[in-house]
């Protein structure tokens, strides 16, 4: 008798658990609920997730930093971001969109490492108080490495 009860219990666990995992995210139809880890969704599902998240939090997309087809949420802006791709995949364009969004915020600052000067040409504005630390650039501020050692 005990074995029969255990068998029914085990069967119920294996029959019900997958259905619970397939139920989806509350309020977000057609998006599977991940058990753990990253969410991998189609582009249309991702767009619906973003729209629902922005509506739920009452956030204006214009005030957020764009990242690909989504946005960086305010609490994640100070975290690290790694942008990886092959040549011509759009990494520089993503960075330009991020910098353009940061530039629209008067209270925000950014430190940009720009070996070839491409971002400096686009975003450097001395009237705003931007500073260049490059001993080979005539616009660089007076900085003495020996004084900092």
Protein backbone atom coordinates (compact mmCIF):
# COMPACT_ATOMS: atom_id res chain seq x y z
CA UNK A 1 0.00 0.00 0.00
CA UNK A 2 2.79 2.44 0.92
CA UNK A 3 4.56 1.68 -2.38
CA UNK A 4 1.40 2.47 -4.31
CA UNK A 5 1.06 5.84 -2.54
CA UNK A 6 4.71 6.67 -3.25
CA UNK A 7 4.30 5.69 -6.91
CA UNK A 8 1.26 7.95 -7.26
CA UNK A 9 3.17 10.79 -5.55
CA UNK A 10 6.20 10.42 -7.82
CA UNK A 11 3.95 10.25 -10.89
CA UNK A 12 2.12 13.39 -9.76
CA UNK A 13 5.39 15.27 -9.32
CA UNK A 14 6.61 14.33 -12.80
CA UNK A 15 3.22 15.04 -14.37
CA UNK A 16 2.52 18.39 -12.67
CA UNK A 17 6.00 19.96 -12.45
CA UNK A 18 6.54 20.41 -16.23
CA UNK A 19 3.09 22.00 -16.53
CA UNK A 20 3.98 24.53 -13.81
CA UNK A 21 7.19 25.43 -15.66
CA UNK A 22 5.23 25.97 -18.88
CA UNK A 23 2.65 28.22 -17.24
CA UNK A 24 4.57 31.35 -18.20
CA UNK A 25 5.35 34.65 -16.60
CA UNK A 26 2.44 36.22 -14.75
CA UNK A 27 0.83 38.89 -16.91
CA UNK A 28 3.17 38.29 -19.82
CA UNK A 29 1.55 35.90 -22.26
CA UNK A 30 3.52 33.66 -24.60
CA UNK A 31 6.71 34.02 -22.55
CA UNK A 32 7.90 30.81 -20.91
CA UNK A 33 8.91 31.07 -17.25
CA UNK A 34 12.57 30.08 -16.90
CA UNK A 35 13.36 27.75 -14.03
CA UNK A 36 16.73 29.48 -13.58
CA UNK A 37 19.38 31.30 -15.58
CA UNK A 38 18.97 33.64 -18.51
CA UNK A 39 15.81 34.17 -20.51
CA UNK A 40 16.09 33.27 -24.17
CA UNK A 41 13.11 34.65 -26.06
CA UNK A 42 12.19 35.63 -29.59
CA UNK A 43 12.48 39.31 -30.50
CA UNK A 44 8.71 39.86 -30.41
CA UNK A 45 8.50 38.22 -26.98
CA UNK A 46 11.40 40.36 -25.75
CA UNK A 47 9.70 43.52 -27.01
CA UNK A 48 6.49 42.57 -25.17
CA UNK A 49 8.49 41.89 -22.00
CA UNK A 50 10.13 45.32 -22.23
CA UNK A 51 6.81 47.06 -22.86
CA UNK A 52 5.22 45.30 -19.88
CA UNK A 53 8.21 46.11 -17.64
CA UNK A 54 8.23 49.78 -18.65
CA UNK A 55 4.48 50.08 -18.13
CA UNK A 56 4.62 48.30 -14.76
CA UNK A 57 7.41 50.57 -13.50
CA UNK A 58 5.98 53.69 -15.20
CA UNK A 59 9.31 54.37 -16.95
CA UNK A 60 9.73 56.58 -20.00
CA UNK A 61 11.82 54.80 -22.68
CA UNK A 62 13.32 58.18 -23.65
CA UNK A 63 14.93 58.49 -20.23
CA UNK A 64 16.59 55.06 -20.39
CA UNK A 65 19.91 54.05 -21.91
CA UNK A 66 19.29 51.93 -25.02
CA UNK A 67 21.10 48.61 -25.37
CA UNK A 68 20.38 46.74 -28.57
CA UNK A 69 16.63 46.38 -28.94
CA UNK A 70 16.07 46.87 -25.19
CA UNK A 71 17.09 49.26 -22.46
CA UNK A 72 19.34 49.33 -19.43
CA UNK A 73 17.19 49.66 -16.33
CA UNK A 74 18.25 52.42 -13.89
CA UNK A 75 19.40 49.97 -11.20
CA UNK A 76 21.64 48.21 -13.73
CA UNK A 77 23.36 51.26 -15.21
CA UNK A 78 26.38 50.99 -12.92
CA UNK A 79 27.01 47.33 -13.73
CA UNK A 80 29.55 46.13 -16.25
CA UNK A 81 28.52 45.54 -19.85
CA UNK A 82 30.44 43.44 -22.34
CA UNK A 83 29.67 44.06 -25.99
CA UNK A 84 30.98 41.26 -28.18
CA UNK A 85 30.64 40.64 -31.89
CA UNK A 86 32.49 40.11 -35.13
CA UNK A 87 33.73 42.92 -37.35
CA UNK A 88 30.82 44.91 -38.71
CA UNK A 89 28.26 43.48 -36.29
CA UNK A 90 27.38 46.88 -34.79
CA UNK A 91 29.34 47.04 -31.53
CA UNK A 92 30.43 50.63 -32.16
CA UNK A 93 26.88 51.65 -33.05
CA UNK A 94 25.58 50.24 -29.75
CA UNK A 95 28.27 52.18 -27.87
CA UNK A 96 27.40 55.37 -29.78
CA UNK A 97 23.73 54.99 -28.84
CA UNK A 98 24.67 54.47 -25.19
CA UNK A 99 26.94 57.54 -25.18
CA UNK A 100 24.31 59.65 -26.94
CA UNK A 101 21.78 58.71 -24.24
CA UNK A 102 24.25 59.55 -21.46
CA UNK A 103 25.07 62.86 -23.20
CA UNK A 104 21.38 63.88 -22.95
CA UNK A 105 21.57 63.71 -19.15
CA UNK A 106 23.23 66.87 -17.83
CA UNK A 107 24.04 65.33 -14.44
CA UNK A 108 25.64 62.17 -15.86
CA UNK A 109 29.34 61.62 -16.50
CA UNK A 110 31.23 58.98 -18.43
CA UNK A 111 34.85 57.87 -18.66
CA UNK A 112 35.63 56.82 -22.22
CA UNK A 113 38.77 55.01 -23.31
CA UNK A 114 39.10 56.02 -26.95
CA UNK A 115 42.34 54.80 -28.56
CA UNK A 116 41.57 56.01 -32.10
CA UNK A 117 39.70 59.21 -31.16
CA UNK A 118 36.42 58.25 -32.87
CA UNK A 119 34.22 58.87 -29.83
CA UNK A 120 36.18 62.02 -28.96
CA UNK A 121 35.34 63.47 -32.39
CA UNK A 122 31.64 62.73 -31.84
CA UNK A 123 31.13 63.53 -28.18
CA UNK A 124 33.91 65.80 -26.84
CA UNK A 125 32.50 69.17 -25.77
CA UNK A 126 34.83 71.50 -23.82
CA UNK A 127 31.95 73.91 -23.01
CA UNK A 128 30.30 71.10 -21.05
CA UNK A 129 33.48 70.61 -19.03
CA UNK A 130 34.74 67.50 -20.83
CA UNK A 131 38.39 66.71 -20.15
CA UNK A 132 40.91 64.77 -22.26
CA UNK A 133 43.75 62.89 -20.57
CA UNK A 134 46.09 62.29 -23.48
CA UNK A 135 49.64 63.66 -23.53
CA UNK A 136 49.59 63.60 -27.35
CA UNK A 137 46.42 65.71 -27.72
CA UNK A 138 46.79 69.51 -27.68
CA UNK A 139 43.32 69.82 -26.08
CA UNK A 140 44.39 67.71 -23.10
CA UNK A 141 44.23 69.24 -19.65
CA UNK A 142 47.48 69.92 -17.83
CA UNK A 143 48.25 66.65 -16.11
CA UNK A 144 51.60 65.78 -14.60
CA UNK A 145 52.07 62.04 -14.12
CA UNK A 146 55.08 62.69 -11.88
CA UNK A 147 52.88 64.71 -9.52
CA UNK A 148 50.55 61.73 -9.08
CA UNK A 149 53.31 59.21 -8.30
